């Protein structure tokens, strides 16, 4: 009787191209951010007023931009050794943190400069 080799994690996802996986990730990330903005709209407006809604939108867009940068790094780690993929995952976390800090500071400075 012939033995069937077990599928590994990389075998299970090898059918999709890296570009296709990233496009799917983009759609899912945008869907999650849109859902969270919808959930947070009424509480934010009630607790902080109309002026807080643009800040909520900017915060959600900053989070989305950071996720997209990290996702791009992770998709690029396909086909490498497990150690290289783990290092790419750590790099993606660091890049995500750096993007959030940089864009958050930029939003703060722009808001302060505009007197908002």
N, C-alpha and C. Protein backbone atom coordinates (compact mmCIF):
# COMPACT_ATOMS: atom_id res chain seq x y z
N UNK A 1 0.84 -1.17 0.00
CA UNK A 1 0.00 0.00 0.00
C UNK A 1 0.89 1.24 0.00
N UNK A 2 0.55 2.21 -0.82
CA UNK A 2 1.34 3.44 -0.93
C UNK A 2 1.05 4.36 0.25
N UNK A 3 2.11 4.97 0.74
CA UNK A 3 1.96 5.90 1.85
C UNK A 3 1.75 7.31 1.30
N UNK A 4 0.91 8.05 1.96
CA UNK A 4 0.66 9.44 1.59
C UNK A 4 1.47 10.33 2.53
N UNK A 5 2.28 11.19 1.94
CA UNK A 5 3.09 12.09 2.75
C UNK A 5 2.21 13.18 3.35
N UNK A 6 2.41 13.49 4.63
CA UNK A 6 1.60 14.56 5.25
C UNK A 6 1.97 15.92 4.67
N UNK A 7 0.99 16.77 4.55
CA UNK A 7 1.22 18.12 4.04
C UNK A 7 1.80 18.99 5.14
N UNK A 8 2.75 19.79 4.79
CA UNK A 8 3.31 20.75 5.74
C UNK A 8 2.58 22.06 5.59
N UNK A 9 2.88 23.00 6.48
CA UNK A 9 2.22 24.30 6.41
C UNK A 9 2.52 24.99 5.09
N UNK A 10 3.75 24.90 4.61
CA UNK A 10 4.08 25.58 3.35
C UNK A 10 3.41 24.88 2.17
N UNK A 11 3.20 23.57 2.25
CA UNK A 11 2.49 22.87 1.19
C UNK A 11 1.02 23.29 1.13
N UNK A 12 0.45 23.55 2.30
CA UNK A 12 -0.97 23.86 2.37
C UNK A 12 -1.30 25.20 1.73
N UNK A 13 -0.37 26.15 1.73
CA UNK A 13 -0.64 27.48 1.18
C UNK A 13 0.10 27.75 -0.12
N UNK A 14 0.77 26.74 -0.66
CA UNK A 14 1.58 26.98 -1.84
C UNK A 14 0.76 27.19 -3.11
N UNK A 15 -0.54 26.88 -3.09
CA UNK A 15 -1.37 27.04 -4.27
C UNK A 15 -1.59 28.49 -4.67
N UNK A 16 -1.59 29.39 -3.73
CA UNK A 16 -1.83 30.80 -4.01
C UNK A 16 -0.49 31.51 -4.25
N UNK A 17 -0.49 32.40 -5.20
CA UNK A 17 0.72 33.19 -5.47
C UNK A 17 0.89 34.21 -4.35
N UNK A 18 2.12 34.68 -4.14
CA UNK A 18 2.33 35.70 -3.10
C UNK A 18 1.50 36.96 -3.35
N UNK A 19 1.39 37.36 -4.61
CA UNK A 19 0.59 38.54 -4.93
C UNK A 19 -0.88 38.32 -4.61
N UNK A 20 -1.38 37.14 -4.91
CA UNK A 20 -2.77 36.82 -4.60
C UNK A 20 -3.03 36.78 -3.11
N UNK A 21 -2.08 36.22 -2.37
CA UNK A 21 -2.24 36.19 -0.91
C UNK A 21 -2.22 37.59 -0.33
N UNK A 22 -1.37 38.47 -0.88
CA UNK A 22 -1.29 39.84 -0.37
C UNK A 22 -2.57 40.61 -0.70
N UNK A 23 -3.11 40.41 -1.89
CA UNK A 23 -4.37 41.06 -2.26
C UNK A 23 -5.49 40.60 -1.32
N UNK A 24 -5.53 39.31 -1.03
CA UNK A 24 -6.53 38.79 -0.10
C UNK A 24 -6.34 39.40 1.29
N UNK A 25 -5.09 39.55 1.72
CA UNK A 25 -4.80 40.18 3.00
C UNK A 25 -5.24 41.65 3.00
N UNK A 26 -4.98 42.37 1.89
CA UNK A 26 -5.41 43.77 1.79
C UNK A 26 -6.92 43.90 1.98
N UNK A 27 -7.66 43.04 1.30
CA UNK A 27 -9.12 43.08 1.42
C UNK A 27 -9.59 42.77 2.83
N UNK A 28 -9.01 41.76 3.45
CA UNK A 28 -9.40 41.40 4.80
C UNK A 28 -9.06 42.51 5.79
N UNK A 29 -7.87 43.09 5.65
CA UNK A 29 -7.46 44.18 6.56
C UNK A 29 -8.38 45.38 6.40
N UNK A 30 -8.72 45.73 5.16
CA UNK A 30 -9.63 46.86 4.94
C UNK A 30 -11.01 46.57 5.51
N UNK A 31 -11.46 45.34 5.38
CA UNK A 31 -12.76 44.95 5.93
C UNK A 31 -12.77 45.06 7.45
N UNK A 32 -11.72 44.60 8.09
CA UNK A 32 -11.64 44.66 9.56
C UNK A 32 -11.61 46.11 10.03
N UNK A 33 -10.79 46.94 9.38
CA UNK A 33 -10.70 48.35 9.79
C UNK A 33 -12.04 49.05 9.58
N UNK A 34 -12.71 48.77 8.48
CA UNK A 34 -14.02 49.37 8.22
C UNK A 34 -15.04 48.93 9.27
N UNK A 35 -15.02 47.66 9.61
CA UNK A 35 -15.94 47.15 10.64
C UNK A 35 -15.67 47.80 11.99
N UNK A 36 -14.40 47.94 12.35
CA UNK A 36 -14.06 48.56 13.63
C UNK A 36 -14.43 50.04 13.66
N UNK A 37 -14.27 50.72 12.52
CA UNK A 37 -14.69 52.12 12.46
C UNK A 37 -16.20 52.22 12.62
N UNK A 38 -16.93 51.30 12.01
CA UNK A 38 -18.38 51.30 12.14
C UNK A 38 -18.83 51.03 13.57
N UNK A 39 -18.16 50.09 14.23
CA UNK A 39 -18.49 49.77 15.62
C UNK A 39 -18.16 50.95 16.54
N UNK A 40 -17.06 51.64 16.26
CA UNK A 40 -16.62 52.72 17.14
C UNK A 40 -17.23 54.08 16.84
N UNK A 41 -17.97 54.21 15.75
CA UNK A 41 -18.48 55.52 15.34
C UNK A 41 -19.41 56.14 16.40
N UNK A 42 -20.45 55.44 16.76
CA UNK A 42 -21.42 56.00 17.71
C UNK A 42 -20.83 56.23 19.11
N UNK A 43 -20.09 55.27 19.67
CA UNK A 43 -19.50 55.55 20.99
C UNK A 43 -18.51 56.72 20.96
N UNK A 44 -17.73 56.81 19.89
CA UNK A 44 -16.77 57.91 19.81
C UNK A 44 -17.49 59.25 19.70
N UNK A 45 -18.52 59.30 18.89
CA UNK A 45 -19.27 60.55 18.73
C UNK A 45 -19.97 60.93 20.04
N UNK A 46 -20.50 59.94 20.73
CA UNK A 46 -21.22 60.24 21.97
C UNK A 46 -20.28 60.65 23.10
N UNK A 47 -19.15 59.97 23.23
CA UNK A 47 -18.24 60.24 24.35
C UNK A 47 -17.30 61.41 24.11
N UNK A 48 -16.88 61.62 22.85
CA UNK A 48 -15.88 62.65 22.59
C UNK A 48 -16.38 63.75 21.66
N UNK A 49 -17.53 63.57 21.05
CA UNK A 49 -18.08 64.61 20.18
C UNK A 49 -17.67 64.43 18.73
N UNK A 50 -18.25 65.29 17.90
CA UNK A 50 -18.00 65.22 16.46
C UNK A 50 -16.53 65.46 16.11
N UNK A 51 -15.84 66.25 16.91
CA UNK A 51 -14.44 66.59 16.62
C UNK A 51 -13.53 65.37 16.72
N UNK A 52 -13.94 64.33 17.43
CA UNK A 52 -13.10 63.15 17.61
C UNK A 52 -13.18 62.18 16.44
N UNK A 53 -14.19 62.31 15.58
CA UNK A 53 -14.35 61.37 14.48
C UNK A 53 -13.21 61.41 13.48
N UNK A 54 -12.71 62.60 13.09
CA UNK A 54 -11.53 62.59 12.19
C UNK A 54 -10.31 61.94 12.84
N UNK A 55 -10.14 62.11 14.14
CA UNK A 55 -9.01 61.49 14.83
C UNK A 55 -9.15 59.97 14.82
N UNK A 56 -10.38 59.49 14.99
CA UNK A 56 -10.61 58.04 14.93
C UNK A 56 -10.29 57.52 13.54
N UNK A 57 -10.72 58.24 12.51
CA UNK A 57 -10.43 57.84 11.14
C UNK A 57 -8.93 57.81 10.87
N UNK A 58 -8.21 58.82 11.30
CA UNK A 58 -6.76 58.86 11.10
C UNK A 58 -6.09 57.72 11.84
N UNK A 59 -6.52 57.44 13.06
CA UNK A 59 -5.94 56.34 13.81
C UNK A 59 -6.17 55.00 13.13
N UNK A 60 -7.35 54.81 12.60
CA UNK A 60 -7.64 53.56 11.88
C UNK A 60 -6.82 53.44 10.60
N UNK A 61 -6.65 54.55 9.89
CA UNK A 61 -5.84 54.52 8.67
C UNK A 61 -4.37 54.29 8.97
N UNK A 62 -3.88 54.83 10.08
CA UNK A 62 -2.49 54.58 10.49
C UNK A 62 -2.32 53.09 10.80
N UNK A 63 -3.27 52.53 11.51
CA UNK A 63 -3.21 51.10 11.82
C UNK A 63 -3.23 50.25 10.55
N UNK A 64 -4.07 50.63 9.59
CA UNK A 64 -4.14 49.90 8.33
C UNK A 64 -2.83 50.00 7.55
N UNK A 65 -2.24 51.18 7.51
CA UNK A 65 -0.97 51.35 6.80
C UNK A 65 0.13 50.50 7.43
N UNK A 66 0.16 50.46 8.75
CA UNK A 66 1.16 49.63 9.44
C UNK A 66 0.95 48.15 9.16
N UNK A 67 -0.30 47.72 9.15
CA UNK A 67 -0.59 46.31 8.86
C UNK A 67 -0.20 45.95 7.43
N UNK A 68 -0.44 46.86 6.50
CA UNK A 68 -0.10 46.58 5.10
C UNK A 68 1.41 46.48 4.91
N UNK A 69 2.17 47.32 5.60
CA UNK A 69 3.63 47.22 5.51
C UNK A 69 4.13 45.90 6.09
N UNK A 70 3.59 45.51 7.24
CA UNK A 70 4.01 44.26 7.86
C UNK A 70 3.59 43.06 7.00
N UNK A 71 2.40 43.12 6.44
CA UNK A 71 1.94 42.04 5.57
C UNK A 71 2.80 41.87 4.34
N UNK A 72 3.24 42.98 3.79
CA UNK A 72 4.12 42.94 2.61
C UNK A 72 5.43 42.24 2.95
N UNK A 73 5.97 42.52 4.13
CA UNK A 73 7.21 41.85 4.55
C UNK A 73 7.00 40.35 4.75
N UNK A 74 5.86 39.99 5.31
CA UNK A 74 5.60 38.57 5.56
C UNK A 74 5.35 37.80 4.28
N UNK A 75 4.70 38.39 3.31
CA UNK A 75 4.48 37.71 2.03
C UNK A 75 5.82 37.49 1.32
N UNK A 76 6.74 38.41 1.50
CA UNK A 76 8.06 38.27 0.89
C UNK A 76 8.90 37.17 1.51
N UNK A 77 8.51 36.65 2.67
CA UNK A 77 9.27 35.61 3.36
C UNK A 77 8.90 34.21 2.91
N UNK A 78 8.06 34.09 1.88
CA UNK A 78 7.61 32.78 1.43
C UNK A 78 8.78 31.96 0.86
N UNK A 79 8.78 30.68 1.15
CA UNK A 79 9.75 29.77 0.58
C UNK A 79 11.11 29.77 1.26
N UNK A 80 11.26 30.54 2.31
CA UNK A 80 12.54 30.58 3.02
C UNK A 80 12.53 29.53 4.13
N UNK A 81 13.64 29.43 4.80
CA UNK A 81 13.75 28.49 5.91
C UNK A 81 12.87 28.96 7.07
N UNK A 82 12.53 28.04 7.98
CA UNK A 82 11.72 28.46 9.13
C UNK A 82 12.37 29.58 9.95
N UNK A 83 13.67 29.53 10.09
CA UNK A 83 14.36 30.58 10.84
C UNK A 83 14.24 31.92 10.13
N UNK A 84 14.40 31.93 8.83
CA UNK A 84 14.28 33.18 8.07
C UNK A 84 12.86 33.72 8.14
N UNK A 85 11.86 32.83 8.11
CA UNK A 85 10.47 33.29 8.22
C UNK A 85 10.19 33.88 9.60
N UNK A 86 10.77 33.27 10.64
CA UNK A 86 10.59 33.79 11.99
C UNK A 86 11.26 35.16 12.13
N UNK A 87 12.45 35.32 11.55
CA UNK A 87 13.11 36.61 11.58
C UNK A 87 12.33 37.65 10.79
N UNK A 88 11.71 37.25 9.68
CA UNK A 88 10.89 38.17 8.90
C UNK A 88 9.65 38.58 9.71
N UNK A 89 9.09 37.67 10.48
CA UNK A 89 7.93 37.99 11.32
C UNK A 89 8.31 39.00 12.39
N UNK A 90 9.49 38.83 12.99
CA UNK A 90 9.94 39.80 13.99
C UNK A 90 10.19 41.16 13.34
N UNK A 91 10.82 41.16 12.18
CA UNK A 91 11.05 42.41 11.46
C UNK A 91 9.73 43.10 11.12
N UNK A 92 8.74 42.31 10.73
CA UNK A 92 7.42 42.87 10.41
C UNK A 92 6.80 43.53 11.64
N UNK A 93 6.97 42.93 12.82
CA UNK A 93 6.44 43.54 14.04
C UNK A 93 7.14 44.86 14.35
N UNK A 94 8.46 44.88 14.17
CA UNK A 94 9.23 46.10 14.43
C UNK A 94 8.85 47.19 13.43
N UNK A 95 8.70 46.82 12.17
CA UNK A 95 8.30 47.78 11.15
C UNK A 95 6.91 48.32 11.44
N UNK A 96 6.01 47.45 11.85
CA UNK A 96 4.65 47.90 12.17
C UNK A 96 4.67 48.91 13.30
N UNK A 97 5.44 48.64 14.34
CA UNK A 97 5.56 49.58 15.46
C UNK A 97 6.15 50.90 14.98
N UNK A 98 7.20 50.84 14.17
CA UNK A 98 7.85 52.06 13.67
C UNK A 98 6.90 52.89 12.81
N UNK A 99 6.11 52.23 11.97
CA UNK A 99 5.15 52.95 11.12
C UNK A 99 4.09 53.62 11.97
N UNK A 100 3.58 52.93 12.98
CA UNK A 100 2.56 53.52 13.87
C UNK A 100 3.13 54.72 14.60
N UNK A 101 4.34 54.60 15.14
CA UNK A 101 4.94 55.71 15.87
C UNK A 101 5.20 56.89 14.93
N UNK A 102 5.77 56.64 13.76
CA UNK A 102 6.10 57.73 12.83
C UNK A 102 4.84 58.43 12.33
N UNK A 103 3.85 57.67 11.88
CA UNK A 103 2.63 58.29 11.37
C UNK A 103 1.82 58.95 12.49
N UNK A 104 1.85 58.37 13.68
CA UNK A 104 1.16 58.97 14.81
C UNK A 104 1.78 60.30 15.20
N UNK A 105 3.12 60.35 15.23
CA UNK A 105 3.79 61.61 15.52
C UNK A 105 3.54 62.65 14.43
N UNK A 106 3.52 62.20 13.19
CA UNK A 106 3.25 63.12 12.09
C UNK A 106 1.83 63.67 12.22
N UNK A 107 0.87 62.83 12.53
CA UNK A 107 -0.51 63.30 12.71
C UNK A 107 -0.61 64.27 13.87
N UNK A 108 0.11 64.01 14.94
CA UNK A 108 0.12 64.91 16.09
C UNK A 108 0.72 66.26 15.72
N UNK A 109 1.85 66.24 15.02
CA UNK A 109 2.49 67.49 14.63
C UNK A 109 1.63 68.30 13.66
N UNK A 110 1.01 67.62 12.72
CA UNK A 110 0.15 68.33 11.76
C UNK A 110 -1.04 68.94 12.48
N UNK A 111 -1.65 68.20 13.40
CA UNK A 111 -2.78 68.70 14.15
C UNK A 111 -2.38 69.90 15.02
N UNK A 112 -1.20 69.80 15.65
CA UNK A 112 -0.72 70.89 16.50
C UNK A 112 -0.41 72.13 15.67
N UNK A 113 0.19 71.92 14.50
CA UNK A 113 0.53 73.06 13.62
C UNK A 113 -0.72 73.76 13.10
N UNK A 114 -1.76 72.97 12.82
CA UNK A 114 -2.98 73.54 12.27
C UNK A 114 -3.87 74.15 13.37
N UNK A 115 -3.48 73.92 14.60
CA UNK A 115 -4.25 74.49 15.71
C UNK A 115 -5.53 73.72 16.01
N UNK A 116 -5.57 72.43 15.57
CA UNK A 116 -6.76 71.61 15.78
C UNK A 116 -6.72 70.97 17.07
